[in-house]
Amino acid sequence: MFCPKCGSILRPKEKAGKRVLYCTCGFSKAPEGDTTELKESVEGAKKIEIIEKIEIHPKVKNKCEKCGHGIAYYWTQQTRGADEPETRFFKCTKCNHTWREYA
């Protein structure tokens, strides 16, 4: 449901013990029925076929634990607290085995 004043989506909210739909512009109304459901549908969506997978990560020299190949893709990700170092991930270019390395 959309706001008739500004066109924004109406959001559910508790007000005086009852559920109401409200908008940031100030408009509110009681929902129709006992439940309100948010849905999104896409009409005319096209099917996408992946023809070729392109790897975007850089290659580095690192020995694969599984097949022993010496080149792997490399990326980092913050998996722990901000005061901890990043986790380094590697993916073998030959067998696609993925492993991590903690600093």
N, C-alpha and C. Protein backbone atom coordinates (compact mmCIF):
# COMPACT_ATOMS: atom_id res chain seq x y z
N MET A 1 0.84 -1.18 0.00
CA MET A 1 0.00 0.00 0.00
C MET A 1 0.89 1.24 0.00
N PHE A 2 0.41 2.24 -0.70
CA PHE A 2 1.18 3.47 -0.83
C PHE A 2 0.41 4.65 -0.26
N CYS A 3 1.12 5.65 0.18
CA CYS A 3 0.54 6.85 0.75
C CYS A 3 -0.17 7.65 -0.35
N PRO A 4 -1.44 8.03 -0.12
CA PRO A 4 -2.14 8.81 -1.14
C PRO A 4 -1.63 10.25 -1.23
N LYS A 5 -0.93 10.73 -0.19
CA LYS A 5 -0.40 12.11 -0.21
C LYS A 5 0.91 12.22 -0.99
N CYS A 6 1.91 11.37 -0.61
CA CYS A 6 3.24 11.53 -1.20
C CYS A 6 3.69 10.34 -2.06
N GLY A 7 2.99 9.20 -1.99
CA GLY A 7 3.34 8.05 -2.81
C GLY A 7 4.35 7.10 -2.18
N SER A 8 4.81 7.38 -0.96
CA SER A 8 5.76 6.48 -0.28
C SER A 8 5.03 5.24 0.20
N ILE A 9 5.81 4.19 0.50
CA ILE A 9 5.21 2.95 0.99
C ILE A 9 4.77 3.15 2.44
N LEU A 10 3.59 2.62 2.78
CA LEU A 10 3.08 2.69 4.15
C LEU A 10 3.69 1.57 4.96
N ARG A 11 4.07 1.88 6.21
CA ARG A 11 4.74 0.91 7.08
C ARG A 11 3.87 0.61 8.29
N PRO A 12 3.89 -0.64 8.79
CA PRO A 12 3.09 -0.97 9.97
C PRO A 12 3.72 -0.40 11.24
N LYS A 13 2.84 -0.02 12.22
CA LYS A 13 3.32 0.58 13.46
C LYS A 13 2.26 0.35 14.54
N GLU A 14 2.70 0.21 15.81
CA GLU A 14 1.78 0.10 16.94
C GLU A 14 1.44 1.52 17.41
N LYS A 15 0.14 1.81 17.53
CA LYS A 15 -0.29 3.14 18.01
C LYS A 15 -1.49 2.93 18.92
N ALA A 16 -1.34 3.24 20.20
CA ALA A 16 -2.38 3.08 21.21
C ALA A 16 -2.89 1.63 21.26
N GLY A 17 -1.98 0.68 21.13
CA GLY A 17 -2.33 -0.73 21.21
C GLY A 17 -2.91 -1.31 19.93
N LYS A 18 -3.01 -0.54 18.88
CA LYS A 18 -3.55 -1.03 17.61
C LYS A 18 -2.51 -0.88 16.51
N ARG A 19 -2.58 -1.74 15.50
CA ARG A 19 -1.67 -1.65 14.35
C ARG A 19 -2.24 -0.65 13.36
N VAL A 20 -1.39 0.26 12.93
CA VAL A 20 -1.77 1.23 11.89
C VAL A 20 -0.70 1.24 10.83
N LEU A 21 -1.05 1.72 9.65
CA LEU A 21 -0.08 1.92 8.58
C LEU A 21 0.22 3.41 8.56
N TYR A 22 1.51 3.76 8.56
CA TYR A 22 1.89 5.17 8.61
C TYR A 22 2.89 5.50 7.53
N CYS A 23 3.02 6.79 7.28
CA CYS A 23 3.97 7.31 6.30
C CYS A 23 4.82 8.38 6.98
N THR A 24 5.99 8.63 6.47
CA THR A 24 6.87 9.65 7.03
C THR A 24 6.33 11.07 6.85
N CYS A 25 5.38 11.24 5.94
CA CYS A 25 4.79 12.58 5.73
C CYS A 25 3.71 12.88 6.77
N GLY A 26 3.33 11.89 7.61
CA GLY A 26 2.35 12.11 8.66
C GLY A 26 1.04 11.39 8.42
N PHE A 27 0.77 10.90 7.25
CA PHE A 27 -0.47 10.18 6.94
C PHE A 27 -0.46 8.83 7.65
N SER A 28 -1.64 8.43 8.19
CA SER A 28 -1.77 7.10 8.77
C SER A 28 -3.20 6.62 8.59
N LYS A 29 -3.38 5.28 8.58
CA LYS A 29 -4.71 4.71 8.47
C LYS A 29 -4.69 3.31 9.05
N ALA A 30 -5.86 2.81 9.42
CA ALA A 30 -5.99 1.46 9.96
C ALA A 30 -5.87 0.47 8.81
N PRO A 31 -5.19 -0.66 9.04
CA PRO A 31 -5.07 -1.66 7.96
C PRO A 31 -6.42 -2.31 7.67
N GLU A 32 -6.56 -2.80 6.46
CA GLU A 32 -7.78 -3.48 6.05
C GLU A 32 -7.65 -4.94 6.43
N GLY A 33 -8.53 -5.45 7.30
CA GLY A 33 -8.45 -6.83 7.75
C GLY A 33 -7.53 -6.98 8.94
N ASP A 34 -7.27 -8.23 9.33
CA ASP A 34 -6.44 -8.51 10.51
C ASP A 34 -4.95 -8.43 10.21
N THR A 35 -4.56 -8.72 8.98
CA THR A 35 -3.14 -8.74 8.66
C THR A 35 -2.85 -7.86 7.45
N THR A 36 -1.65 -7.34 7.43
CA THR A 36 -1.18 -6.57 6.29
C THR A 36 0.07 -7.26 5.79
N GLU A 37 0.13 -7.51 4.52
CA GLU A 37 1.24 -8.24 3.93
C GLU A 37 1.93 -7.37 2.90
N LEU A 38 3.25 -7.30 2.97
CA LEU A 38 4.03 -6.55 1.99
C LEU A 38 4.49 -7.52 0.92
N LYS A 39 4.17 -7.22 -0.34
CA LYS A 39 4.55 -8.07 -1.46
C LYS A 39 5.16 -7.23 -2.56
N GLU A 40 6.02 -7.86 -3.33
CA GLU A 40 6.60 -7.20 -4.50
C GLU A 40 6.60 -8.20 -5.64
N SER A 41 6.11 -7.76 -6.78
CA SER A 41 6.12 -8.65 -7.93
C SER A 41 6.73 -7.93 -9.12
N VAL A 42 7.36 -8.70 -9.96
CA VAL A 42 7.99 -8.16 -11.15
C VAL A 42 7.32 -8.79 -12.35
N GLU A 43 6.71 -7.96 -13.17
CA GLU A 43 6.05 -8.47 -14.35
C GLU A 43 6.98 -8.34 -15.55
N GLY A 44 6.94 -9.30 -16.39
CA GLY A 44 7.76 -9.26 -17.59
C GLY A 44 9.24 -9.47 -17.32
N ALA A 45 9.57 -10.13 -16.21
CA ALA A 45 10.98 -10.37 -15.89
C ALA A 45 11.57 -11.34 -16.91
N LYS A 46 12.79 -11.08 -17.29
CA LYS A 46 13.47 -11.92 -18.27
C LYS A 46 14.40 -12.89 -17.56
N LYS A 47 14.56 -14.07 -18.13
CA LYS A 47 15.46 -15.07 -17.60
C LYS A 47 16.88 -14.72 -18.05
N ILE A 48 17.82 -14.74 -17.12
CA ILE A 48 19.20 -14.42 -17.43
C ILE A 48 20.01 -15.71 -17.44
N GLU A 49 20.74 -15.93 -18.49
CA GLU A 49 21.58 -17.12 -18.61
C GLU A 49 23.04 -16.70 -18.50
N ILE A 50 23.78 -17.36 -17.61
CA ILE A 50 25.20 -17.07 -17.44
C ILE A 50 25.96 -17.90 -18.46
N ILE A 51 26.65 -17.22 -19.35
CA ILE A 51 27.38 -17.91 -20.41
C ILE A 51 28.82 -18.17 -19.98
N GLU A 52 29.43 -17.17 -19.35
CA GLU A 52 30.83 -17.30 -18.95
C GLU A 52 31.01 -16.66 -17.59
N LYS A 53 31.65 -17.35 -16.68
CA LYS A 53 31.93 -16.81 -15.36
C LYS A 53 33.28 -16.12 -15.39
N ILE A 54 33.29 -14.85 -15.04
CA ILE A 54 34.52 -14.06 -15.06
C ILE A 54 34.95 -13.81 -13.62
N GLU A 55 36.18 -14.16 -13.30
CA GLU A 55 36.72 -13.94 -11.96
C GLU A 55 37.28 -12.53 -11.87
N ILE A 56 36.86 -11.78 -10.84
CA ILE A 56 37.29 -10.38 -10.72
C ILE A 56 38.41 -10.19 -9.69
N HIS A 57 38.72 -11.22 -8.92
CA HIS A 57 39.75 -11.10 -7.89
C HIS A 57 41.14 -11.24 -8.49
N PRO A 58 42.14 -10.58 -7.88
CA PRO A 58 43.52 -10.70 -8.39
C PRO A 58 44.09 -12.09 -8.07
N LYS A 59 45.10 -12.47 -8.87
CA LYS A 59 45.79 -13.75 -8.66
C LYS A 59 47.06 -13.51 -7.87
N VAL A 60 47.37 -14.42 -6.98
CA VAL A 60 48.59 -14.36 -6.19
C VAL A 60 49.22 -15.75 -6.14
N LYS A 61 50.50 -15.79 -5.79
CA LYS A 61 51.18 -17.08 -5.63
C LYS A 61 50.88 -17.60 -4.22
N ASN A 62 50.13 -18.69 -4.16
CA ASN A 62 49.80 -19.33 -2.89
C ASN A 62 49.43 -20.78 -3.20
N LYS A 63 50.03 -21.70 -2.49
CA LYS A 63 49.85 -23.12 -2.78
C LYS A 63 48.51 -23.62 -2.25
N CYS A 64 47.76 -24.28 -3.13
CA CYS A 64 46.46 -24.85 -2.77
C CYS A 64 46.67 -26.04 -1.83
N GLU A 65 45.90 -26.08 -0.75
CA GLU A 65 45.99 -27.17 0.22
C GLU A 65 45.45 -28.48 -0.34
N LYS A 66 44.58 -28.40 -1.34
CA LYS A 66 43.91 -29.59 -1.87
C LYS A 66 44.68 -30.22 -3.03
N CYS A 67 45.03 -29.42 -4.06
CA CYS A 67 45.66 -30.00 -5.26
C CYS A 67 47.13 -29.62 -5.42
N GLY A 68 47.63 -28.67 -4.63
CA GLY A 68 49.03 -28.28 -4.70
C GLY A 68 49.37 -27.26 -5.76
N HIS A 69 48.37 -26.78 -6.49
CA HIS A 69 48.59 -25.75 -7.53
C HIS A 69 49.10 -24.47 -6.85
N GLY A 70 49.93 -23.71 -7.52
CA GLY A 70 50.61 -22.58 -6.90
C GLY A 70 49.99 -21.21 -7.12
N ILE A 71 48.84 -21.09 -7.77
CA ILE A 71 48.23 -19.78 -8.03
C ILE A 71 46.79 -19.80 -7.54
N ALA A 72 46.39 -18.71 -6.86
CA ALA A 72 45.03 -18.62 -6.32
C ALA A 72 44.50 -17.20 -6.45
N TYR A 73 43.18 -17.08 -6.50
CA TYR A 73 42.53 -15.77 -6.42
C TYR A 73 42.57 -15.34 -4.96
N TYR A 74 42.54 -14.01 -4.71
CA TYR A 74 42.75 -13.49 -3.37
C TYR A 74 41.77 -12.37 -3.09
N TRP A 75 41.17 -12.34 -1.89
CA TRP A 75 40.37 -11.21 -1.44
C TRP A 75 40.35 -11.19 0.08
N THR A 76 39.98 -10.05 0.65
CA THR A 76 39.91 -9.91 2.10
C THR A 76 38.50 -9.51 2.50
N GLN A 77 38.15 -9.85 3.74
CA GLN A 77 36.84 -9.50 4.26
C GLN A 77 36.93 -9.34 5.77
N GLN A 78 36.23 -8.35 6.31
CA GLN A 78 36.20 -8.13 7.75
C GLN A 78 35.18 -9.08 8.35
N THR A 79 35.64 -10.19 8.96
CA THR A 79 34.73 -11.21 9.50
C THR A 79 34.62 -11.13 11.01
N ARG A 80 35.50 -10.41 11.66
CA ARG A 80 35.47 -10.30 13.12
C ARG A 80 35.28 -8.83 13.49
N GLY A 81 35.57 -8.45 14.70
CA GLY A 81 35.40 -7.08 15.16
C GLY A 81 36.29 -6.10 14.41
N ALA A 82 35.92 -4.84 14.45
CA ALA A 82 36.66 -3.81 13.73
C ALA A 82 38.09 -3.65 14.26
N ASP A 83 38.32 -4.05 15.51
CA ASP A 83 39.66 -3.94 16.07
C ASP A 83 40.53 -5.16 15.74
N GLU A 84 39.99 -6.13 15.02
CA GLU A 84 40.72 -7.33 14.60
C GLU A 84 41.13 -7.18 13.13
N PRO A 85 42.21 -7.84 12.72
CA PRO A 85 42.61 -7.77 11.30
C PRO A 85 41.63 -8.50 10.39
N GLU A 86 41.67 -8.16 9.10
CA GLU A 86 40.80 -8.78 8.11
C GLU A 86 41.18 -10.26 7.92
N THR A 87 40.23 -11.03 7.43
CA THR A 87 40.48 -12.42 7.07
C THR A 87 40.81 -12.46 5.58
N ARG A 88 41.87 -13.20 5.22
CA ARG A 88 42.26 -13.33 3.82
C ARG A 88 41.68 -14.63 3.27
N PHE A 89 41.05 -14.54 2.11
CA PHE A 89 40.47 -15.70 1.45
C PHE A 89 41.24 -15.99 0.17
N PHE A 90 41.37 -17.27 -0.15
CA PHE A 90 42.05 -17.71 -1.37
C PHE A 90 41.16 -18.75 -2.06
N LYS A 91 41.20 -18.75 -3.41
CA LYS A 91 40.46 -19.72 -4.21
C LYS A 91 41.39 -20.21 -5.31
N CYS A 92 41.65 -21.50 -5.34
CA CYS A 92 42.57 -22.10 -6.30
C CYS A 92 42.05 -21.87 -7.72
N THR A 93 42.94 -21.46 -8.63
CA THR A 93 42.55 -21.22 -10.02
C THR A 93 42.35 -22.53 -10.78
N LYS A 94 42.84 -23.64 -10.22
CA LYS A 94 42.74 -24.93 -10.92
C LYS A 94 41.52 -25.74 -10.45
N CYS A 95 41.38 -25.95 -9.14
CA CYS A 95 40.32 -26.82 -8.62
C CYS A 95 39.19 -26.07 -7.91
N ASN A 96 39.28 -24.75 -7.79
CA ASN A 96 38.28 -23.89 -7.14
C ASN A 96 38.11 -24.14 -5.65
N HIS A 97 39.06 -24.82 -5.01
CA HIS A 97 39.04 -25.01 -3.56
C HIS A 97 39.25 -23.65 -2.90
N THR A 98 38.44 -23.33 -1.88
CA THR A 98 38.53 -22.05 -1.18
C THR A 98 38.99 -22.29 0.24
N TRP A 99 39.91 -21.45 0.73
CA TRP A 99 40.38 -21.53 2.10
C TRP A 99 40.66 -20.13 2.62
N ARG A 100 40.80 -20.02 3.92
CA ARG A 100 41.02 -18.72 4.55
C ARG A 100 42.31 -18.73 5.35
N GLU A 101 42.79 -17.53 5.59
CA GLU A 101 44.02 -17.35 6.37
C GLU A 101 43.79 -16.19 7.32
N TYR A 102 43.99 -16.43 8.61
CA TYR A 102 43.83 -15.37 9.60
C TYR A 102 45.18 -14.71 9.85
N ALA A 103 45.17 -13.40 10.01
CA ALA A 103 46.41 -12.68 10.26
C ALA A 103 46.79 -12.73 11.72
